Amino acid sequence: ACRKPVLATSIGALRELVSDGVDGYLADPVSEADWADKMITLFDEHERTRRMGTMGWNKTVTGFTTDRVATHMERVYGALLGR
């Protein structure tokens, strides 16, 4: 909602949500140097950071609408309940 890029760990579902270098960065969860490098890049490269934030916002408003999320959750719960 704030059009800011994401900095997240490169584990689990986060790898599916964040496109590394496009709408944010995925950092090695155990590498302080990787986290620091990516944070410095976000602070130093203002135009790139702005573009990445816009890309993330676009992904969110087109891919994560209320209807799409509700439909997905309904499928997940249906599968868990054995329907």
N, C-alpha and C. Protein backbone atom coordinates (compact mmCIF):
# COMPACT_ATOMS: atom_id res chain seq x y z
N ALA A 1 0.82 -1.20 0.00
CA ALA A 1 0.00 0.00 0.00
C ALA A 1 0.86 1.26 0.00
N CYS A 2 2.08 1.15 0.51
CA CYS A 2 2.98 2.31 0.59
C CYS A 2 3.96 2.38 -0.57
N ARG A 3 3.84 1.44 -1.50
CA ARG A 3 4.72 1.41 -2.68
C ARG A 3 6.20 1.38 -2.30
N LYS A 4 6.51 0.53 -1.35
CA LYS A 4 7.89 0.34 -0.93
C LYS A 4 8.30 -1.09 -1.26
N PRO A 5 9.57 -1.30 -1.63
CA PRO A 5 10.02 -2.66 -1.91
C PRO A 5 10.10 -3.47 -0.62
N VAL A 6 10.10 -4.77 -0.78
CA VAL A 6 10.13 -5.68 0.35
C VAL A 6 11.53 -6.25 0.50
N LEU A 7 11.96 -6.40 1.74
CA LEU A 7 13.19 -7.12 2.04
C LEU A 7 12.77 -8.26 2.94
N ALA A 8 12.90 -9.49 2.43
CA ALA A 8 12.42 -10.66 3.16
C ALA A 8 13.44 -11.78 3.08
N THR A 9 13.25 -12.79 3.91
CA THR A 9 14.14 -13.94 3.86
C THR A 9 13.79 -14.82 2.67
N SER A 10 14.78 -15.49 2.16
CA SER A 10 14.58 -16.34 0.98
C SER A 10 14.19 -17.76 1.41
N ILE A 11 13.10 -17.85 2.16
CA ILE A 11 12.61 -19.15 2.61
C ILE A 11 11.10 -19.23 2.40
N GLY A 12 10.61 -20.44 2.31
CA GLY A 12 9.19 -20.70 2.26
C GLY A 12 8.43 -19.91 1.21
N ALA A 13 7.22 -19.54 1.58
CA ALA A 13 6.30 -18.86 0.66
C ALA A 13 6.78 -17.48 0.25
N LEU A 14 7.67 -16.90 1.02
CA LEU A 14 8.17 -15.57 0.66
C LEU A 14 8.85 -15.58 -0.70
N ARG A 15 9.46 -16.71 -1.06
CA ARG A 15 10.09 -16.82 -2.39
C ARG A 15 9.05 -16.75 -3.50
N GLU A 16 7.81 -17.13 -3.19
CA GLU A 16 6.75 -17.06 -4.19
C GLU A 16 6.13 -15.67 -4.26
N LEU A 17 6.21 -14.93 -3.18
CA LEU A 17 5.58 -13.61 -3.12
C LEU A 17 6.47 -12.48 -3.60
N VAL A 18 7.76 -12.59 -3.32
CA VAL A 18 8.70 -11.53 -3.67
C VAL A 18 9.55 -11.97 -4.85
N SER A 19 9.57 -11.17 -5.89
CA SER A 19 10.43 -11.43 -7.04
C SER A 19 11.75 -10.70 -6.80
N ASP A 20 12.79 -11.45 -6.46
CA ASP A 20 14.06 -10.88 -6.07
C ASP A 20 14.62 -9.94 -7.13
N GLY A 21 14.88 -8.70 -6.72
CA GLY A 21 15.42 -7.70 -7.63
C GLY A 21 14.37 -6.99 -8.47
N VAL A 22 13.12 -7.42 -8.37
CA VAL A 22 12.04 -6.81 -9.16
C VAL A 22 11.15 -5.95 -8.28
N ASP A 23 10.57 -6.54 -7.24
CA ASP A 23 9.70 -5.79 -6.34
C ASP A 23 10.21 -5.82 -4.90
N GLY A 24 11.41 -6.31 -4.75
CA GLY A 24 12.04 -6.39 -3.45
C GLY A 24 13.28 -7.25 -3.53
N TYR A 25 13.78 -7.60 -2.38
CA TYR A 25 14.95 -8.47 -2.32
C TYR A 25 14.68 -9.63 -1.37
N LEU A 26 15.24 -10.77 -1.73
CA LEU A 26 15.22 -11.93 -0.85
C LEU A 26 16.64 -12.10 -0.32
N ALA A 27 16.77 -12.10 0.99
CA ALA A 27 18.07 -12.19 1.62
C ALA A 27 18.26 -13.56 2.26
N ASP A 28 19.49 -14.00 2.26
CA ASP A 28 19.86 -15.25 2.93
C ASP A 28 19.56 -15.07 4.42
N PRO A 29 18.75 -15.96 4.99
CA PRO A 29 18.33 -15.76 6.39
C PRO A 29 19.46 -15.82 7.41
N VAL A 30 20.60 -16.36 7.04
CA VAL A 30 21.70 -16.47 8.01
C VAL A 30 22.90 -15.61 7.64
N SER A 31 22.77 -14.78 6.62
CA SER A 31 23.88 -13.96 6.17
C SER A 31 23.65 -12.49 6.51
N GLU A 32 24.31 -12.03 7.55
CA GLU A 32 24.20 -10.62 7.92
C GLU A 32 24.70 -9.73 6.79
N ALA A 33 25.75 -10.18 6.10
CA ALA A 33 26.31 -9.39 5.00
C ALA A 33 25.31 -9.23 3.87
N ASP A 34 24.57 -10.29 3.55
CA ASP A 34 23.58 -10.21 2.48
C ASP A 34 22.48 -9.22 2.86
N TRP A 35 21.98 -9.31 4.10
CA TRP A 35 20.96 -8.37 4.56
C TRP A 35 21.48 -6.93 4.49
N ALA A 36 22.69 -6.73 4.97
CA ALA A 36 23.26 -5.38 4.98
C ALA A 36 23.43 -4.84 3.57
N ASP A 37 23.95 -5.66 2.66
CA ASP A 37 24.14 -5.22 1.27
C ASP A 37 22.82 -4.79 0.64
N LYS A 38 21.79 -5.58 0.87
CA LYS A 38 20.50 -5.28 0.26
C LYS A 38 19.85 -4.05 0.89
N MET A 39 20.01 -3.89 2.20
CA MET A 39 19.49 -2.68 2.85
C MET A 39 20.19 -1.44 2.33
N ILE A 40 21.51 -1.51 2.22
CA ILE A 40 22.27 -0.36 1.71
C ILE A 40 21.83 -0.01 0.30
N THR A 41 21.63 -1.03 -0.53
CA THR A 41 21.16 -0.79 -1.90
C THR A 41 19.82 -0.07 -1.89
N LEU A 42 18.91 -0.51 -1.03
CA LEU A 42 17.59 0.13 -0.96
C LEU A 42 17.70 1.58 -0.51
N PHE A 43 18.61 1.87 0.40
CA PHE A 43 18.78 3.24 0.87
C PHE A 43 19.51 4.12 -0.14
N ASP A 44 20.43 3.55 -0.88
CA ASP A 44 21.27 4.33 -1.78
C ASP A 44 20.71 4.53 -3.19
N GLU A 45 19.95 3.59 -3.68
CA GLU A 45 19.48 3.65 -5.06
C GLU A 45 18.00 4.05 -5.09
N HIS A 46 17.78 5.33 -4.94
CA HIS A 46 16.42 5.86 -4.78
C HIS A 46 15.50 5.55 -5.97
N GLU A 47 15.98 5.73 -7.17
CA GLU A 47 15.13 5.49 -8.35
C GLU A 47 14.79 4.01 -8.47
N ARG A 48 15.77 3.15 -8.26
CA ARG A 48 15.51 1.70 -8.32
C ARG A 48 14.53 1.29 -7.22
N THR A 49 14.72 1.84 -6.04
CA THR A 49 13.83 1.54 -4.92
C THR A 49 12.40 1.98 -5.24
N ARG A 50 12.26 3.15 -5.85
CA ARG A 50 10.92 3.65 -6.23
C ARG A 50 10.27 2.71 -7.24
N ARG A 51 11.05 2.28 -8.26
CA ARG A 51 10.51 1.36 -9.27
C ARG A 51 10.11 0.03 -8.65
N MET A 52 10.94 -0.48 -7.77
CA MET A 52 10.64 -1.76 -7.12
C MET A 52 9.36 -1.65 -6.29
N GLY A 53 9.20 -0.55 -5.58
CA GLY A 53 7.99 -0.34 -4.79
C GLY A 53 6.75 -0.29 -5.65
N THR A 54 6.85 0.37 -6.79
CA THR A 54 5.73 0.44 -7.72
C THR A 54 5.41 -0.94 -8.29
N MET A 55 6.44 -1.71 -8.63
CA MET A 55 6.22 -3.07 -9.13
C MET A 55 5.50 -3.93 -8.09
N GLY A 56 5.91 -3.83 -6.84
CA GLY A 56 5.25 -4.58 -5.77
C GLY A 56 3.81 -4.16 -5.58
N TRP A 57 3.57 -2.87 -5.65
CA TRP A 57 2.20 -2.37 -5.51
C TRP A 57 1.34 -2.89 -6.65
N ASN A 58 1.86 -2.84 -7.88
CA ASN A 58 1.11 -3.35 -9.03
C ASN A 58 0.81 -4.84 -8.86
N LYS A 59 1.79 -5.60 -8.40
CA LYS A 59 1.58 -7.04 -8.18
C LYS A 59 0.48 -7.26 -7.15
N THR A 60 0.48 -6.46 -6.11
CA THR A 60 -0.49 -6.61 -5.04
C THR A 60 -1.91 -6.30 -5.51
N VAL A 61 -2.08 -5.19 -6.18
CA VAL A 61 -3.45 -4.79 -6.56
C VAL A 61 -4.01 -5.65 -7.69
N THR A 62 -3.15 -6.27 -8.49
CA THR A 62 -3.67 -7.14 -9.56
C THR A 62 -3.72 -8.60 -9.15
N GLY A 63 -2.81 -9.04 -8.32
CA GLY A 63 -2.73 -10.46 -7.98
C GLY A 63 -3.34 -10.85 -6.65
N PHE A 64 -3.57 -9.89 -5.79
CA PHE A 64 -4.06 -10.22 -4.46
C PHE A 64 -5.34 -9.47 -4.13
N THR A 65 -6.27 -9.49 -5.07
CA THR A 65 -7.57 -8.86 -4.83
C THR A 65 -8.31 -9.68 -3.78
N THR A 66 -9.30 -9.07 -3.17
CA THR A 66 -10.09 -9.75 -2.14
C THR A 66 -10.72 -11.01 -2.71
N ASP A 67 -11.27 -10.93 -3.91
CA ASP A 67 -11.91 -12.10 -4.52
C ASP A 67 -10.93 -13.24 -4.76
N ARG A 68 -9.75 -12.91 -5.29
CA ARG A 68 -8.75 -13.95 -5.56
C ARG A 68 -8.24 -14.59 -4.28
N VAL A 69 -7.99 -13.78 -3.27
CA VAL A 69 -7.51 -14.32 -2.00
C VAL A 69 -8.59 -15.19 -1.35
N ALA A 70 -9.83 -14.73 -1.38
CA ALA A 70 -10.93 -15.51 -0.79
C ALA A 70 -11.11 -16.84 -1.52
N THR A 71 -11.04 -16.82 -2.84
CA THR A 71 -11.17 -18.05 -3.61
C THR A 71 -10.05 -19.02 -3.28
N HIS A 72 -8.83 -18.50 -3.18
CA HIS A 72 -7.68 -19.35 -2.84
C HIS A 72 -7.84 -19.94 -1.43
N MET A 73 -8.24 -19.11 -0.48
CA MET A 73 -8.42 -19.59 0.90
C MET A 73 -9.52 -20.65 0.96
N GLU A 74 -10.58 -20.46 0.19
CA GLU A 74 -11.67 -21.43 0.17
C GLU A 74 -11.16 -22.78 -0.35
N ARG A 75 -10.32 -22.75 -1.39
CA ARG A 75 -9.73 -23.99 -1.92
C ARG A 75 -8.83 -24.66 -0.89
N VAL A 76 -8.02 -23.87 -0.22
CA VAL A 76 -7.09 -24.42 0.78
C VAL A 76 -7.88 -25.07 1.92
N TYR A 77 -8.86 -24.34 2.45
CA TYR A 77 -9.66 -24.90 3.55
C TYR A 77 -10.45 -26.11 3.09
N GLY A 78 -10.97 -26.08 1.86
CA GLY A 78 -11.70 -27.23 1.33
C GLY A 78 -10.80 -28.46 1.26
N ALA A 79 -9.58 -28.27 0.79
CA ALA A 79 -8.64 -29.39 0.72
C ALA A 79 -8.30 -29.91 2.11
N LEU A 80 -8.13 -29.02 3.06
CA LEU A 80 -7.80 -29.44 4.42
C LEU A 80 -8.96 -30.20 5.07
N LEU A 81 -10.17 -29.81 4.71
CA LEU A 81 -11.35 -30.45 5.28
C LEU A 81 -11.77 -31.70 4.51
N GLY A 82 -11.08 -31.98 3.41
CA GLY A 82 -11.35 -33.20 2.65
C GLY A 82 -12.51 -33.09 1.69
N ARG A 83 -12.86 -31.89 1.28
CA ARG A 83 -13.94 -31.74 0.32
C ARG A 83 -13.41 -31.85 -1.08
